[in-house]
Amino acid sequence: MRRMLVGRLEGEKTARGINVRIPARRGSAFALFGPVIGAWLLFASIHYFTMGVPATPEDGQNQLLWLLIEGFGVTFIILLFWAAWAFTSDTIVTLDETQFKIQRRVLGIELVTHSFSTTEVHNFKYMDPTAFRTSKGLTDIRTSRIAFSSRSKTHFFAEGVTQAEAQVLIEQILEVFKFSEVLTPPLVPFRGETQ
């Protein structure tokens, strides 16, 4: 049974390891994009209704009407894809004694899966969020992530995690499997300590 670990992380113990769900973090555009598309769809619906009233439109007006209707349809499809991505995308991290697997899903449908042998995975570390290019001192939490090495390559997962979430996730990973190299813990004080 899944239980809340910390922040947005949900985890469960399996017979041989752990399974952790990391929901996608919605950015600042989330609050703006939905209402803008919704207003466009409302405006377009009213406009198409008023355009459809004439009995015999001329050919030029008819082509314009179909162009607008197609634009409405495309906008509506974009809204549906955006809503599916924003509300249902997540990352599933599964670890047992032999395999470390990262799945990215939308609507519960697996889009991309990467599997690694636990003997090849090492050096987990938390990557701080990066600053906006136009603003000084402001960071975008969606750019934070956890990095690890496998076969001389660096891989990333858990985009948008906080330091506390990364710490708990790495602690959960360490409980299941003792990796061949010492893991680098995230740069955050452990529970009860202050900076």
N, C-alpha and C. Protein backbone atom coordinates (compact mmCIF):
# COMPACT_ATOMS: atom_id res chain seq x y z
N MET A 1 0.83 -1.17 0.00
CA MET A 1 0.00 0.00 0.00
C MET A 1 0.89 1.25 0.00
N ARG A 2 0.58 2.19 -0.90
CA ARG A 2 1.36 3.42 -0.98
C ARG A 2 1.13 4.31 0.24
N ARG A 3 2.20 4.96 0.67
CA ARG A 3 2.10 5.92 1.77
C ARG A 3 2.91 7.15 1.40
N MET A 4 2.54 8.27 1.96
CA MET A 4 3.27 9.51 1.70
C MET A 4 4.61 9.44 2.41
N LEU A 5 5.67 9.75 1.68
CA LEU A 5 7.01 9.75 2.28
C LEU A 5 7.34 11.14 2.80
N VAL A 6 7.38 12.10 1.89
CA VAL A 6 7.60 13.50 2.24
C VAL A 6 7.22 14.32 1.02
N GLY A 7 6.69 15.51 1.23
CA GLY A 7 6.31 16.36 0.11
C GLY A 7 5.35 15.66 -0.82
N ARG A 8 5.74 15.52 -2.09
CA ARG A 8 4.89 14.89 -3.10
C ARG A 8 5.17 13.40 -3.28
N LEU A 9 6.19 12.87 -2.65
CA LEU A 9 6.61 11.49 -2.87
C LEU A 9 5.68 10.49 -2.19
N GLU A 10 5.28 9.47 -2.94
CA GLU A 10 4.51 8.36 -2.41
C GLU A 10 5.32 7.09 -2.62
N GLY A 11 5.41 6.26 -1.60
CA GLY A 11 6.22 5.06 -1.74
C GLY A 11 5.57 3.85 -1.13
N GLU A 12 6.03 2.70 -1.56
CA GLU A 12 5.58 1.44 -0.98
C GLU A 12 6.73 0.44 -1.01
N LYS A 13 6.75 -0.40 0.00
CA LYS A 13 7.72 -1.49 0.05
C LYS A 13 7.17 -2.63 -0.78
N THR A 14 8.02 -3.24 -1.56
CA THR A 14 7.64 -4.43 -2.30
C THR A 14 8.33 -5.63 -1.67
N ALA A 15 8.11 -6.80 -2.19
CA ALA A 15 8.72 -8.00 -1.60
C ALA A 15 10.24 -7.93 -1.59
N ARG A 16 10.83 -7.30 -2.64
CA ARG A 16 12.29 -7.27 -2.75
C ARG A 16 12.87 -5.87 -2.83
N GLY A 17 12.05 -4.82 -2.66
CA GLY A 17 12.60 -3.48 -2.80
C GLY A 17 11.58 -2.40 -2.49
N ILE A 18 11.64 -1.32 -3.29
CA ILE A 18 10.73 -0.20 -3.11
C ILE A 18 10.19 0.25 -4.46
N ASN A 19 9.08 0.97 -4.39
CA ASN A 19 8.44 1.55 -5.56
C ASN A 19 8.01 2.96 -5.13
N VAL A 20 8.58 4.01 -5.75
CA VAL A 20 8.30 5.39 -5.35
C VAL A 20 7.70 6.14 -6.54
N ARG A 21 6.59 6.84 -6.28
CA ARG A 21 5.93 7.64 -7.31
C ARG A 21 6.24 9.11 -7.05
N ILE A 22 6.69 9.81 -8.11
CA ILE A 22 7.03 11.23 -8.02
C ILE A 22 6.14 11.98 -9.01
N PRO A 23 5.06 12.62 -8.55
CA PRO A 23 4.21 13.38 -9.48
C PRO A 23 4.97 14.56 -10.07
N ALA A 24 4.62 14.92 -11.30
CA ALA A 24 5.27 16.06 -11.96
C ALA A 24 4.94 17.34 -11.21
N ARG A 25 5.89 18.23 -11.19
CA ARG A 25 5.68 19.53 -10.55
C ARG A 25 5.19 20.50 -11.61
N ARG A 26 4.07 21.13 -11.34
CA ARG A 26 3.54 22.12 -12.27
C ARG A 26 4.24 23.45 -12.05
N GLY A 27 4.62 24.07 -13.13
CA GLY A 27 5.36 25.33 -13.05
C GLY A 27 4.46 26.54 -12.98
N SER A 28 5.07 27.71 -13.07
CA SER A 28 4.32 28.96 -12.98
C SER A 28 3.41 29.17 -14.17
N ALA A 29 3.72 28.57 -15.32
CA ALA A 29 2.87 28.71 -16.50
C ALA A 29 1.57 27.94 -16.34
N PHE A 30 1.51 27.01 -15.38
CA PHE A 30 0.31 26.21 -15.17
C PHE A 30 -0.89 27.09 -14.85
N ALA A 31 -0.70 28.06 -13.98
CA ALA A 31 -1.81 28.92 -13.57
C ALA A 31 -2.24 29.86 -14.67
N LEU A 32 -1.40 30.11 -15.64
CA LEU A 32 -1.73 31.04 -16.72
C LEU A 32 -2.25 30.33 -17.96
N PHE A 33 -1.66 29.21 -18.32
CA PHE A 33 -1.97 28.56 -19.58
C PHE A 33 -3.42 28.06 -19.65
N GLY A 34 -3.90 27.40 -18.62
CA GLY A 34 -5.26 26.87 -18.61
C GLY A 34 -6.32 27.93 -18.81
N PRO A 35 -6.32 29.01 -18.02
CA PRO A 35 -7.33 30.06 -18.21
C PRO A 35 -7.24 30.74 -19.58
N VAL A 36 -6.03 30.93 -20.11
CA VAL A 36 -5.89 31.56 -21.43
C VAL A 36 -6.53 30.68 -22.51
N ILE A 37 -6.23 29.39 -22.48
CA ILE A 37 -6.83 28.47 -23.45
C ILE A 37 -8.34 28.39 -23.24
N GLY A 38 -8.79 28.34 -22.00
CA GLY A 38 -10.23 28.30 -21.72
C GLY A 38 -10.95 29.53 -22.25
N ALA A 39 -10.36 30.72 -22.05
CA ALA A 39 -10.97 31.96 -22.56
C ALA A 39 -11.00 31.94 -24.09
N TRP A 40 -9.92 31.45 -24.71
CA TRP A 40 -9.90 31.36 -26.17
C TRP A 40 -10.99 30.42 -26.66
N LEU A 41 -11.18 29.29 -26.02
CA LEU A 41 -12.22 28.35 -26.44
C LEU A 41 -13.62 28.95 -26.27
N LEU A 42 -13.85 29.67 -25.20
CA LEU A 42 -15.15 30.33 -24.98
C LEU A 42 -15.41 31.38 -26.05
N PHE A 43 -14.42 32.24 -26.28
CA PHE A 43 -14.55 33.27 -27.31
C PHE A 43 -14.78 32.65 -28.68
N ALA A 44 -14.00 31.62 -29.01
CA ALA A 44 -14.14 30.96 -30.31
C ALA A 44 -15.50 30.31 -30.46
N SER A 45 -16.02 29.69 -29.40
CA SER A 45 -17.33 29.05 -29.47
C SER A 45 -18.42 30.07 -29.77
N ILE A 46 -18.40 31.20 -29.09
CA ILE A 46 -19.40 32.25 -29.33
C ILE A 46 -19.25 32.78 -30.75
N HIS A 47 -18.04 33.00 -31.18
CA HIS A 47 -17.79 33.54 -32.52
C HIS A 47 -18.25 32.56 -33.60
N TYR A 48 -17.97 31.27 -33.42
CA TYR A 48 -18.39 30.28 -34.42
C TYR A 48 -19.90 30.16 -34.48
N PHE A 49 -20.56 30.29 -33.33
CA PHE A 49 -22.02 30.22 -33.32
C PHE A 49 -22.63 31.37 -34.11
N THR A 50 -22.09 32.56 -33.92
CA THR A 50 -22.62 33.72 -34.65
C THR A 50 -22.28 33.66 -36.13
N MET A 51 -21.15 33.05 -36.48
CA MET A 51 -20.78 32.92 -37.89
C MET A 51 -21.60 31.86 -38.60
N GLY A 52 -22.10 30.88 -37.89
CA GLY A 52 -22.86 29.80 -38.50
C GLY A 52 -24.30 30.15 -38.79
N VAL A 53 -24.79 31.32 -38.36
CA VAL A 53 -26.18 31.71 -38.54
C VAL A 53 -26.55 31.99 -40.01
N PRO A 54 -25.76 32.66 -40.85
CA PRO A 54 -26.18 32.95 -42.22
C PRO A 54 -26.48 31.66 -43.00
N ALA A 55 -27.53 31.72 -43.84
CA ALA A 55 -27.99 30.53 -44.56
C ALA A 55 -27.05 30.15 -45.69
N THR A 56 -26.58 31.10 -46.51
CA THR A 56 -25.71 30.79 -47.64
C THR A 56 -24.47 31.68 -47.61
N PRO A 57 -23.44 31.25 -46.92
CA PRO A 57 -22.22 32.07 -46.89
C PRO A 57 -21.50 31.98 -48.23
N GLU A 58 -20.81 33.03 -48.56
CA GLU A 58 -20.01 33.01 -49.78
C GLU A 58 -18.81 32.09 -49.58
N ASP A 59 -18.17 31.73 -50.71
CA ASP A 59 -17.05 30.78 -50.63
C ASP A 59 -15.92 31.28 -49.74
N GLY A 60 -15.58 32.55 -49.83
CA GLY A 60 -14.49 33.11 -49.02
C GLY A 60 -14.82 33.07 -47.55
N GLN A 61 -16.06 33.42 -47.20
CA GLN A 61 -16.47 33.36 -45.80
C GLN A 61 -16.52 31.92 -45.31
N ASN A 62 -16.95 31.01 -46.19
CA ASN A 62 -17.02 29.60 -45.83
C ASN A 62 -15.63 29.05 -45.51
N GLN A 63 -14.63 29.41 -46.33
CA GLN A 63 -13.27 28.95 -46.08
C GLN A 63 -12.74 29.53 -44.77
N LEU A 64 -13.04 30.79 -44.51
CA LEU A 64 -12.61 31.42 -43.26
C LEU A 64 -13.25 30.72 -42.07
N LEU A 65 -14.55 30.39 -42.21
CA LEU A 65 -15.25 29.71 -41.12
C LEU A 65 -14.59 28.36 -40.83
N TRP A 66 -14.27 27.57 -41.85
CA TRP A 66 -13.65 26.28 -41.64
C TRP A 66 -12.23 26.43 -41.08
N LEU A 67 -11.54 27.46 -41.49
CA LEU A 67 -10.20 27.70 -40.95
C LEU A 67 -10.28 27.99 -39.45
N LEU A 68 -11.25 28.80 -39.05
CA LEU A 68 -11.43 29.11 -37.64
C LEU A 68 -11.86 27.87 -36.84
N ILE A 69 -12.75 27.07 -37.42
CA ILE A 69 -13.20 25.86 -36.73
C ILE A 69 -12.02 24.89 -36.55
N GLU A 70 -11.18 24.76 -37.57
CA GLU A 70 -10.01 23.90 -37.44
C GLU A 70 -9.05 24.44 -36.37
N GLY A 71 -8.90 25.77 -36.32
CA GLY A 71 -8.07 26.38 -35.28
C GLY A 71 -8.63 26.09 -33.89
N PHE A 72 -9.95 26.14 -33.77
CA PHE A 72 -10.62 25.81 -32.51
C PHE A 72 -10.32 24.37 -32.13
N GLY A 73 -10.44 23.47 -33.11
CA GLY A 73 -10.18 22.05 -32.85
C GLY A 73 -8.75 21.79 -32.40
N VAL A 74 -7.80 22.42 -33.09
CA VAL A 74 -6.39 22.25 -32.72
C VAL A 74 -6.14 22.79 -31.32
N THR A 75 -6.71 23.95 -31.01
CA THR A 75 -6.55 24.55 -29.68
C THR A 75 -7.13 23.64 -28.61
N PHE A 76 -8.29 23.06 -28.90
CA PHE A 76 -8.94 22.16 -27.95
C PHE A 76 -8.08 20.92 -27.71
N ILE A 77 -7.50 20.37 -28.76
CA ILE A 77 -6.64 19.19 -28.62
C ILE A 77 -5.39 19.54 -27.81
N ILE A 78 -4.81 20.72 -28.06
CA ILE A 78 -3.66 21.17 -27.27
C ILE A 78 -4.04 21.29 -25.80
N LEU A 79 -5.22 21.83 -25.52
CA LEU A 79 -5.69 21.94 -24.14
C LEU A 79 -5.81 20.56 -23.49
N LEU A 80 -6.36 19.60 -24.22
CA LEU A 80 -6.50 18.25 -23.66
C LEU A 80 -5.14 17.62 -23.36
N PHE A 81 -4.19 17.74 -24.30
CA PHE A 81 -2.86 17.18 -24.06
C PHE A 81 -2.17 17.88 -22.89
N TRP A 82 -2.30 19.20 -22.82
CA TRP A 82 -1.70 19.94 -21.71
C TRP A 82 -2.29 19.51 -20.38
N ALA A 83 -3.63 19.38 -20.33
CA ALA A 83 -4.29 18.97 -19.08
C ALA A 83 -3.85 17.57 -18.67
N ALA A 84 -3.76 16.66 -19.65
CA ALA A 84 -3.31 15.29 -19.33
C ALA A 84 -1.89 15.31 -18.78
N TRP A 85 -1.01 16.08 -19.41
CA TRP A 85 0.38 16.15 -18.95
C TRP A 85 0.47 16.81 -17.58
N ALA A 86 -0.24 17.92 -17.39
CA ALA A 86 -0.13 18.67 -16.14
C ALA A 86 -0.71 17.93 -14.95
N PHE A 87 -1.81 17.19 -15.15
CA PHE A 87 -2.49 16.57 -14.03
C PHE A 87 -2.12 15.11 -13.79
N THR A 88 -1.58 14.40 -14.80
CA THR A 88 -1.38 12.97 -14.62
C THR A 88 0.05 12.49 -14.85
N SER A 89 0.98 13.35 -15.25
CA SER A 89 2.34 12.85 -15.51
C SER A 89 3.06 12.59 -14.19
N ASP A 90 3.84 11.53 -14.18
CA ASP A 90 4.60 11.17 -13.00
C ASP A 90 5.79 10.31 -13.39
N THR A 91 6.67 10.11 -12.43
CA THR A 91 7.84 9.24 -12.59
C THR A 91 7.74 8.16 -11.53
N ILE A 92 7.95 6.92 -11.94
CA ILE A 92 7.95 5.79 -11.01
C ILE A 92 9.38 5.26 -10.92
N VAL A 93 9.91 5.21 -9.71
CA VAL A 93 11.25 4.67 -9.46
C VAL A 93 11.08 3.34 -8.74
N THR A 94 11.59 2.27 -9.35
CA THR A 94 11.49 0.93 -8.78
C THR A 94 12.90 0.39 -8.57
N LEU A 95 13.14 -0.11 -7.37
CA LEU A 95 14.45 -0.65 -7.03
C LEU A 95 14.29 -1.97 -6.30
N ASP A 96 15.04 -2.97 -6.74
CA ASP A 96 15.17 -4.22 -5.99
C ASP A 96 16.65 -4.60 -5.99
N GLU A 97 16.97 -5.81 -5.59
CA GLU A 97 18.39 -6.19 -5.48
C GLU A 97 19.12 -6.24 -6.81
N THR A 98 18.41 -6.39 -7.91
CA THR A 98 19.08 -6.57 -9.20
C THR A 98 18.86 -5.43 -10.19
N GLN A 99 17.81 -4.64 -10.02
CA GLN A 99 17.45 -3.67 -11.05
C GLN A 99 17.00 -2.34 -10.46
N PHE A 100 17.43 -1.26 -11.12
CA PHE A 100 17.00 0.10 -10.81
C PHE A 100 16.27 0.60 -12.06
N LYS A 101 14.96 0.86 -11.93
CA LYS A 101 14.14 1.19 -13.10
C LYS A 101 13.45 2.53 -12.89
N ILE A 102 13.45 3.36 -13.96
CA ILE A 102 12.81 4.67 -13.95
C ILE A 102 11.79 4.69 -15.09
N GLN A 103 10.52 4.91 -14.75
CA GLN A 103 9.45 4.97 -15.74
C GLN A 103 8.85 6.38 -15.73
N ARG A 104 8.60 6.91 -16.91
CA ARG A 104 7.87 8.18 -17.03
C ARG A 104 6.52 7.87 -17.66
N ARG A 105 5.43 8.34 -17.01
CA ARG A 105 4.08 8.00 -17.45
C ARG A 105 3.21 9.25 -17.57
N VAL A 106 2.20 9.15 -18.44
CA VAL A 106 1.14 10.15 -18.56
C VAL A 106 -0.16 9.37 -18.68
N LEU A 107 -1.16 9.76 -17.90
CA LEU A 107 -2.45 9.05 -17.85
C LEU A 107 -2.26 7.58 -17.50
N GLY A 108 -1.21 7.27 -16.74
CA GLY A 108 -0.93 5.90 -16.37
C GLY A 108 -0.31 5.07 -17.48
N ILE A 109 -0.08 5.70 -18.64
CA ILE A 109 0.51 5.01 -19.79
C ILE A 109 2.01 5.25 -19.77
N GLU A 110 2.76 4.18 -19.82
CA GLU A 110 4.22 4.26 -19.79
C GLU A 110 4.74 4.85 -21.10
N LEU A 111 5.47 5.96 -21.01
CA LEU A 111 6.05 6.59 -22.21
C LEU A 111 7.49 6.16 -22.42
N VAL A 112 8.30 6.25 -21.36
CA VAL A 112 9.72 5.94 -21.46
C VAL A 112 10.13 5.17 -20.21
N THR A 113 10.91 4.12 -20.41
CA THR A 113 11.45 3.35 -19.28
C THR A 113 12.94 3.13 -19.48
N HIS A 114 13.69 3.36 -18.42
CA HIS A 114 15.13 3.10 -18.43
C HIS A 114 15.42 2.14 -17.27
N SER A 115 16.10 1.06 -17.58
CA SER A 115 16.46 0.07 -16.56
C SER A 115 17.98 -0.04 -16.47
N PHE A 116 18.46 -0.17 -15.24
CA PHE A 116 19.89 -0.28 -14.98
C PHE A 116 20.12 -1.41 -14.00
N SER A 117 21.23 -2.10 -14.16
CA SER A 117 21.63 -3.11 -13.19
C SER A 117 22.13 -2.38 -11.95
N THR A 118 21.74 -2.85 -10.77
CA THR A 118 22.15 -2.16 -9.54
C THR A 118 23.67 -2.19 -9.35
N THR A 119 24.34 -3.17 -9.94
CA THR A 119 25.79 -3.23 -9.81
C THR A 119 26.49 -2.13 -10.63
N GLU A 120 25.78 -1.52 -11.58
CA GLU A 120 26.37 -0.48 -12.43
C GLU A 120 25.97 0.94 -11.99
N VAL A 121 25.07 1.05 -11.04
CA VAL A 121 24.56 2.35 -10.62
C VAL A 121 25.34 2.83 -9.39
N HIS A 122 25.76 4.10 -9.40
CA HIS A 122 26.48 4.65 -8.26
C HIS A 122 26.43 6.17 -8.28
N ASN A 123 26.88 6.76 -7.19
CA ASN A 123 27.08 8.20 -7.05
C ASN A 123 25.80 9.02 -7.25
N PHE A 124 24.78 8.74 -6.45
CA PHE A 124 23.56 9.55 -6.46
C PHE A 124 23.86 10.90 -5.82
N LYS A 125 23.36 11.97 -6.42
CA LYS A 125 23.51 13.29 -5.81
C LYS A 125 22.39 14.22 -6.26
N TYR A 126 22.04 15.12 -5.38
CA TYR A 126 20.99 16.10 -5.63
C TYR A 126 21.58 17.28 -6.40
N MET A 127 20.92 17.68 -7.48
CA MET A 127 21.34 18.83 -8.28
C MET A 127 20.41 19.99 -7.95
N ASP A 128 20.98 21.09 -7.46
CA ASP A 128 20.19 22.26 -7.10
C ASP A 128 19.47 22.84 -8.31
N PRO A 129 18.34 23.53 -8.07
CA PRO A 129 17.66 24.18 -9.19
C PRO A 129 18.52 25.31 -9.76
N THR A 130 18.36 25.55 -11.05
CA THR A 130 19.12 26.61 -11.70
C THR A 130 18.35 27.93 -11.65
N ALA A 131 19.09 29.01 -11.76
CA ALA A 131 18.48 30.35 -11.73
C ALA A 131 17.91 30.70 -13.10
N PHE A 132 16.89 31.55 -13.09
CA PHE A 132 16.36 32.07 -14.35
C PHE A 132 17.44 32.89 -15.03
N ARG A 133 17.47 32.86 -16.34
CA ARG A 133 18.50 33.62 -17.06
C ARG A 133 18.26 35.12 -16.98
N THR A 134 17.01 35.54 -16.86
CA THR A 134 16.70 36.97 -16.88
C THR A 134 16.63 37.59 -15.50
N SER A 135 16.50 36.79 -14.47
CA SER A 135 16.34 37.33 -13.12
C SER A 135 17.47 36.85 -12.22
N LYS A 136 17.94 37.72 -11.38
CA LYS A 136 19.01 37.36 -10.45
C LYS A 136 18.40 36.83 -9.16
N GLY A 137 18.92 35.71 -8.71
CA GLY A 137 18.50 35.17 -7.43
C GLY A 137 17.24 34.31 -7.47
N LEU A 138 16.48 34.33 -8.53
CA LEU A 138 15.27 33.52 -8.60
C LEU A 138 15.60 32.17 -9.23
N THR A 139 15.10 31.11 -8.64
CA THR A 139 15.35 29.78 -9.18
C THR A 139 14.03 29.12 -9.57
N ASP A 140 14.13 28.16 -10.46
CA ASP A 140 12.98 27.39 -10.91
C ASP A 140 13.12 25.99 -10.33
N ILE A 141 12.27 25.63 -9.35
CA ILE A 141 12.37 24.35 -8.67
C ILE A 141 12.23 23.18 -9.64
N ARG A 142 11.57 23.40 -10.78
CA ARG A 142 11.40 22.32 -11.75
C ARG A 142 12.72 21.87 -12.36
N THR A 143 13.79 22.66 -12.20
CA THR A 143 15.08 22.30 -12.78
C THR A 143 15.95 21.49 -11.81
N SER A 144 15.50 21.30 -10.57
CA SER A 144 16.25 20.45 -9.65
C SER A 144 16.03 19.00 -10.05
N ARG A 145 16.97 18.13 -9.68
CA ARG A 145 16.86 16.72 -10.04
C ARG A 145 17.90 15.92 -9.29
N ILE A 146 17.82 14.61 -9.44
CA ILE A 146 18.80 13.71 -8.85
C ILE A 146 19.62 13.12 -9.99
N ALA A 147 20.92 13.13 -9.83
CA ALA A 147 21.82 12.57 -10.84
C ALA A 147 22.46 11.29 -10.29
N PHE A 148 22.80 10.38 -11.19
CA PHE A 148 23.56 9.20 -10.82
C PHE A 148 24.38 8.77 -12.03
N SER A 149 25.36 7.95 -11.78
CA SER A 149 26.24 7.46 -12.85
C SER A 149 25.97 5.99 -13.11
N SER A 150 26.08 5.61 -14.38
CA SER A 150 25.98 4.22 -14.79
C SER A 150 26.73 4.06 -16.10
N ARG A 151 27.69 3.12 -16.13
CA ARG A 151 28.50 2.88 -17.32
C ARG A 151 29.17 4.16 -17.83
N SER A 152 29.76 4.91 -16.98
CA SER A 152 30.49 6.14 -17.30
C SER A 152 29.61 7.24 -17.90
N LYS A 153 28.30 7.15 -17.71
CA LYS A 153 27.39 8.20 -18.16
C LYS A 153 26.60 8.71 -16.96
N THR A 154 26.25 9.98 -17.04
CA THR A 154 25.43 10.57 -16.00
C THR A 154 23.98 10.57 -16.46
N HIS A 155 23.09 10.12 -15.58
CA HIS A 155 21.66 10.07 -15.86
C HIS A 155 20.93 10.91 -14.82
N PHE A 156 19.75 11.39 -15.18
CA PHE A 156 18.97 12.24 -14.28
C PHE A 156 17.55 11.69 -14.15
N PHE A 157 16.97 11.91 -12.99
CA PHE A 157 15.56 11.58 -12.76
C PHE A 157 15.05 12.45 -11.63
N ALA A 158 13.76 12.35 -11.34
CA ALA A 158 13.11 13.08 -10.24
C ALA A 158 13.22 14.60 -10.42
N GLU A 159 12.89 15.07 -11.62
CA GLU A 159 12.92 16.51 -11.87
C GLU A 159 11.90 17.22 -10.96
N GLY A 160 12.31 18.34 -10.41
CA GLY A 160 11.43 19.15 -9.58
C GLY A 160 11.34 18.74 -8.13
N VAL A 161 12.23 17.86 -7.65
CA VAL A 161 12.19 17.47 -6.25
C VAL A 161 12.87 18.53 -5.38
N THR A 162 12.41 18.64 -4.17
CA THR A 162 13.06 19.53 -3.21
C THR A 162 14.23 18.78 -2.57
N GLN A 163 15.05 19.49 -1.81
CA GLN A 163 16.16 18.84 -1.12
C GLN A 163 15.67 17.80 -0.14
N ALA A 164 14.61 18.12 0.59
CA ALA A 164 14.07 17.16 1.57
C ALA A 164 13.54 15.91 0.87
N GLU A 165 12.85 16.09 -0.26
CA GLU A 165 12.34 14.94 -1.00
C GLU A 165 13.48 14.09 -1.53
N ALA A 166 14.53 14.75 -2.04
CA ALA A 166 15.70 14.01 -2.55
C ALA A 166 16.38 13.23 -1.43
N GLN A 167 16.49 13.83 -0.27
CA GLN A 167 17.14 13.15 0.86
C GLN A 167 16.37 11.90 1.24
N VAL A 168 15.05 12.01 1.35
CA VAL A 168 14.24 10.84 1.72
C VAL A 168 14.31 9.78 0.64
N LEU A 169 14.27 10.18 -0.62
CA LEU A 169 14.34 9.21 -1.72
C LEU A 169 15.68 8.46 -1.70
N ILE A 170 16.77 9.18 -1.50
CA ILE A 170 18.08 8.52 -1.44
C ILE A 170 18.19 7.62 -0.21
N GLU A 171 17.61 8.05 0.93
CA GLU A 171 17.59 7.18 2.11
C GLU A 171 16.83 5.89 1.83
N GLN A 172 15.70 6.00 1.14
CA GLN A 172 14.91 4.81 0.79
C GLN A 172 15.71 3.88 -0.12
N ILE A 173 16.43 4.47 -1.07
CA ILE A 173 17.26 3.68 -1.99
C ILE A 173 18.35 2.94 -1.21
N LEU A 174 18.98 3.62 -0.26
CA LEU A 174 20.05 3.00 0.53
C LEU A 174 19.54 1.88 1.43
N GLU A 175 18.28 1.96 1.87
CA GLU A 175 17.72 0.90 2.70
C GLU A 175 17.58 -0.41 1.92
N VAL A 176 17.33 -0.30 0.62
CA VAL A 176 17.09 -1.50 -0.20
C VAL A 176 18.39 -2.13 -0.67
N PHE A 177 19.34 -1.31 -1.11
CA PHE A 177 20.55 -1.87 -1.73
C PHE A 177 21.76 -1.05 -1.33
N LYS A 178 22.79 -1.71 -0.90
CA LYS A 178 24.05 -1.04 -0.58
C LYS A 178 24.90 -1.04 -1.85
N PHE A 179 24.99 0.10 -2.49
CA PHE A 179 25.68 0.21 -3.77
C PHE A 179 27.19 0.08 -3.58
N SER A 180 27.88 -0.23 -4.69
CA SER A 180 29.31 -0.51 -4.62
C SER A 180 30.13 0.69 -4.21
N GLU A 181 29.68 1.89 -4.50
CA GLU A 181 30.38 3.11 -4.10
C GLU A 181 29.53 3.85 -3.09
N VAL A 182 30.19 4.67 -2.30
CA VAL A 182 29.46 5.47 -1.33
C VAL A 182 28.62 6.50 -2.08
N LEU A 183 27.36 6.58 -1.76
CA LEU A 183 26.48 7.54 -2.41
C LEU A 183 26.69 8.92 -1.81
N THR A 184 26.60 9.93 -2.64
CA THR A 184 26.71 11.30 -2.18
C THR A 184 25.33 11.75 -1.72
N PRO A 185 25.15 12.04 -0.43
CA PRO A 185 23.82 12.45 0.03
C PRO A 185 23.51 13.88 -0.45
N PRO A 186 22.24 14.25 -0.51
CA PRO A 186 21.90 15.60 -0.89
C PRO A 186 22.41 16.60 0.15
N LEU A 187 22.65 17.81 -0.27
CA LEU A 187 23.18 18.84 0.62
C LEU A 187 22.05 19.47 1.41
N VAL A 188 21.58 18.76 2.41
CA VAL A 188 20.50 19.23 3.27
C VAL A 188 20.73 18.60 4.64
N PRO A 189 20.50 19.35 5.71
CA PRO A 189 20.73 18.77 7.03
C PRO A 189 19.75 17.62 7.29
N PHE A 190 20.21 16.63 8.04
CA PHE A 190 19.34 15.53 8.41
C PHE A 190 18.33 16.01 9.43
N ARG A 191 17.28 15.23 9.62
CA ARG A 191 16.20 15.60 10.52
C ARG A 191 16.74 15.98 11.90
N GLY A 192 16.25 17.10 12.42
CA GLY A 192 16.64 17.53 13.75
C GLY A 192 17.85 18.44 13.77
N GLU A 193 18.61 18.51 12.68
CA GLU A 193 19.78 19.37 12.62
C GLU A 193 19.40 20.69 11.96
N THR A 194 20.15 21.72 12.23
CA THR A 194 19.95 23.01 11.59
C THR A 194 21.20 23.38 10.84
N GLN A 195 21.04 24.27 9.88
CA GLN A 195 22.21 24.70 9.11
C GLN A 195 22.99 25.77 9.83
